[in-house]
Amino acid sequence: MHVKIRNSNSKKAKKTGYRTRQKTAGGRKVNRRQRARHGSF
């Protein structure tokens, strides 16, 4: 199957969901900041 995305772009394409952010220490920090600013979301 041919993927219609150039490799350099696919490297930068990141998943940005809540669960994805929870998986890293930095992402948990982001989620905590979001929650502090906007309440639970």
N, C-alpha and C. Protein backbone atom coordinates (compact mmCIF):
# COMPACT_ATOMS: atom_id res chain seq x y z
N MET A 1 0.84 -1.19 0.00
CA MET A 1 0.00 0.00 0.00
C MET A 1 0.88 1.25 0.00
N HIS A 2 0.55 2.18 -0.88
CA HIS A 2 1.35 3.39 -0.97
C HIS A 2 0.79 4.46 -0.03
N VAL A 3 1.65 5.00 0.83
CA VAL A 3 1.22 6.06 1.74
C VAL A 3 1.47 7.41 1.08
N LYS A 4 0.45 8.22 1.01
CA LYS A 4 0.56 9.49 0.30
C LYS A 4 1.07 10.62 1.19
N ILE A 5 2.10 10.36 1.96
CA ILE A 5 2.64 11.41 2.81
C ILE A 5 4.16 11.33 2.74
N ARG A 6 4.82 12.45 2.56
CA ARG A 6 6.27 12.42 2.48
C ARG A 6 6.84 12.15 3.86
N ASN A 7 7.97 11.46 3.87
CA ASN A 7 8.53 10.97 5.13
C ASN A 7 8.78 12.09 6.14
N SER A 8 9.33 13.23 5.69
CA SER A 8 9.64 14.31 6.62
C SER A 8 8.36 14.82 7.28
N ASN A 9 7.24 14.81 6.52
CA ASN A 9 5.98 15.25 7.10
C ASN A 9 5.45 14.24 8.10
N SER A 10 5.61 12.96 7.78
CA SER A 10 5.07 11.94 8.68
C SER A 10 5.82 11.92 10.01
N LYS A 11 7.08 12.34 9.97
CA LYS A 11 7.85 12.42 11.21
C LYS A 11 7.28 13.49 12.13
N LYS A 12 6.86 14.60 11.51
CA LYS A 12 6.34 15.70 12.33
C LYS A 12 4.89 15.48 12.74
N ALA A 13 4.16 14.61 12.03
CA ALA A 13 2.75 14.39 12.33
C ALA A 13 2.63 13.68 13.66
N LYS A 14 2.08 14.38 14.65
CA LYS A 14 1.98 13.80 15.97
C LYS A 14 0.52 13.67 16.37
N LYS A 15 0.25 12.64 17.14
CA LYS A 15 -1.09 12.50 17.69
C LYS A 15 -1.22 13.46 18.86
N THR A 16 -2.34 14.14 18.97
CA THR A 16 -2.46 15.18 19.99
C THR A 16 -3.65 14.96 20.91
N GLY A 17 -4.13 13.73 21.02
CA GLY A 17 -5.27 13.45 21.90
C GLY A 17 -4.89 13.48 23.37
N TYR A 18 -5.91 13.48 24.21
CA TYR A 18 -5.70 13.48 25.65
C TYR A 18 -4.92 12.24 26.09
N ARG A 19 -5.34 11.06 25.59
CA ARG A 19 -4.69 9.81 25.99
C ARG A 19 -3.24 9.78 25.53
N THR A 20 -2.98 10.32 24.36
CA THR A 20 -1.61 10.35 23.84
C THR A 20 -0.74 11.20 24.75
N ARG A 21 -1.26 12.34 25.19
CA ARG A 21 -0.48 13.21 26.07
C ARG A 21 -0.24 12.57 27.43
N GLN A 22 -1.20 11.77 27.90
CA GLN A 22 -1.04 11.12 29.20
C GLN A 22 0.14 10.16 29.22
N LYS A 23 0.58 9.69 28.06
CA LYS A 23 1.60 8.65 28.01
C LYS A 23 3.01 9.15 28.32
N THR A 24 3.24 10.45 28.23
CA THR A 24 4.58 10.97 28.52
C THR A 24 4.53 11.91 29.72
N ALA A 25 5.66 12.07 30.38
CA ALA A 25 5.73 12.95 31.54
C ALA A 25 5.40 14.39 31.15
N GLY A 26 5.94 14.83 30.00
CA GLY A 26 5.67 16.19 29.53
C GLY A 26 4.21 16.39 29.20
N GLY A 27 3.60 15.35 28.63
CA GLY A 27 2.18 15.44 28.26
C GLY A 27 1.27 15.51 29.47
N ARG A 28 1.65 14.78 30.52
CA ARG A 28 0.85 14.85 31.74
C ARG A 28 0.90 16.24 32.34
N LYS A 29 2.06 16.88 32.20
CA LYS A 29 2.21 18.25 32.67
C LYS A 29 1.28 19.18 31.90
N VAL A 30 1.19 18.97 30.57
CA VAL A 30 0.31 19.76 29.72
C VAL A 30 -1.14 19.58 30.15
N ASN A 31 -1.55 18.32 30.36
CA ASN A 31 -2.93 18.04 30.76
C ASN A 31 -3.27 18.66 32.10
N ARG A 32 -2.30 18.63 33.01
CA ARG A 32 -2.52 19.23 34.33
C ARG A 32 -2.72 20.74 34.20
N ARG A 33 -1.92 21.36 33.30
CA ARG A 33 -2.04 22.79 33.07
C ARG A 33 -3.39 23.13 32.47
N GLN A 34 -3.84 22.31 31.51
CA GLN A 34 -5.15 22.51 30.89
C GLN A 34 -6.25 22.43 31.94
N ARG A 35 -6.14 21.43 32.82
CA ARG A 35 -7.17 21.22 33.82
C ARG A 35 -7.21 22.38 34.81
N ALA A 36 -6.02 22.90 35.15
CA ALA A 36 -5.95 24.03 36.07
C ALA A 36 -6.60 25.27 35.47
N ARG A 37 -6.41 25.46 34.18
CA ARG A 37 -6.95 26.65 33.53
C ARG A 37 -8.43 26.57 33.27
N HIS A 38 -8.90 25.39 32.86
CA HIS A 38 -10.27 25.30 32.36
C HIS A 38 -11.17 24.38 33.18
N GLY A 39 -10.68 23.92 34.32
CA GLY A 39 -11.45 22.90 35.03
C GLY A 39 -11.28 21.57 34.31
N SER A 40 -11.98 20.54 34.74
CA SER A 40 -11.84 19.25 34.05
C SER A 40 -12.41 19.36 32.65
N PHE A 41 -11.87 18.57 31.73
CA PHE A 41 -12.29 18.70 30.33
C PHE A 41 -12.40 17.34 29.68
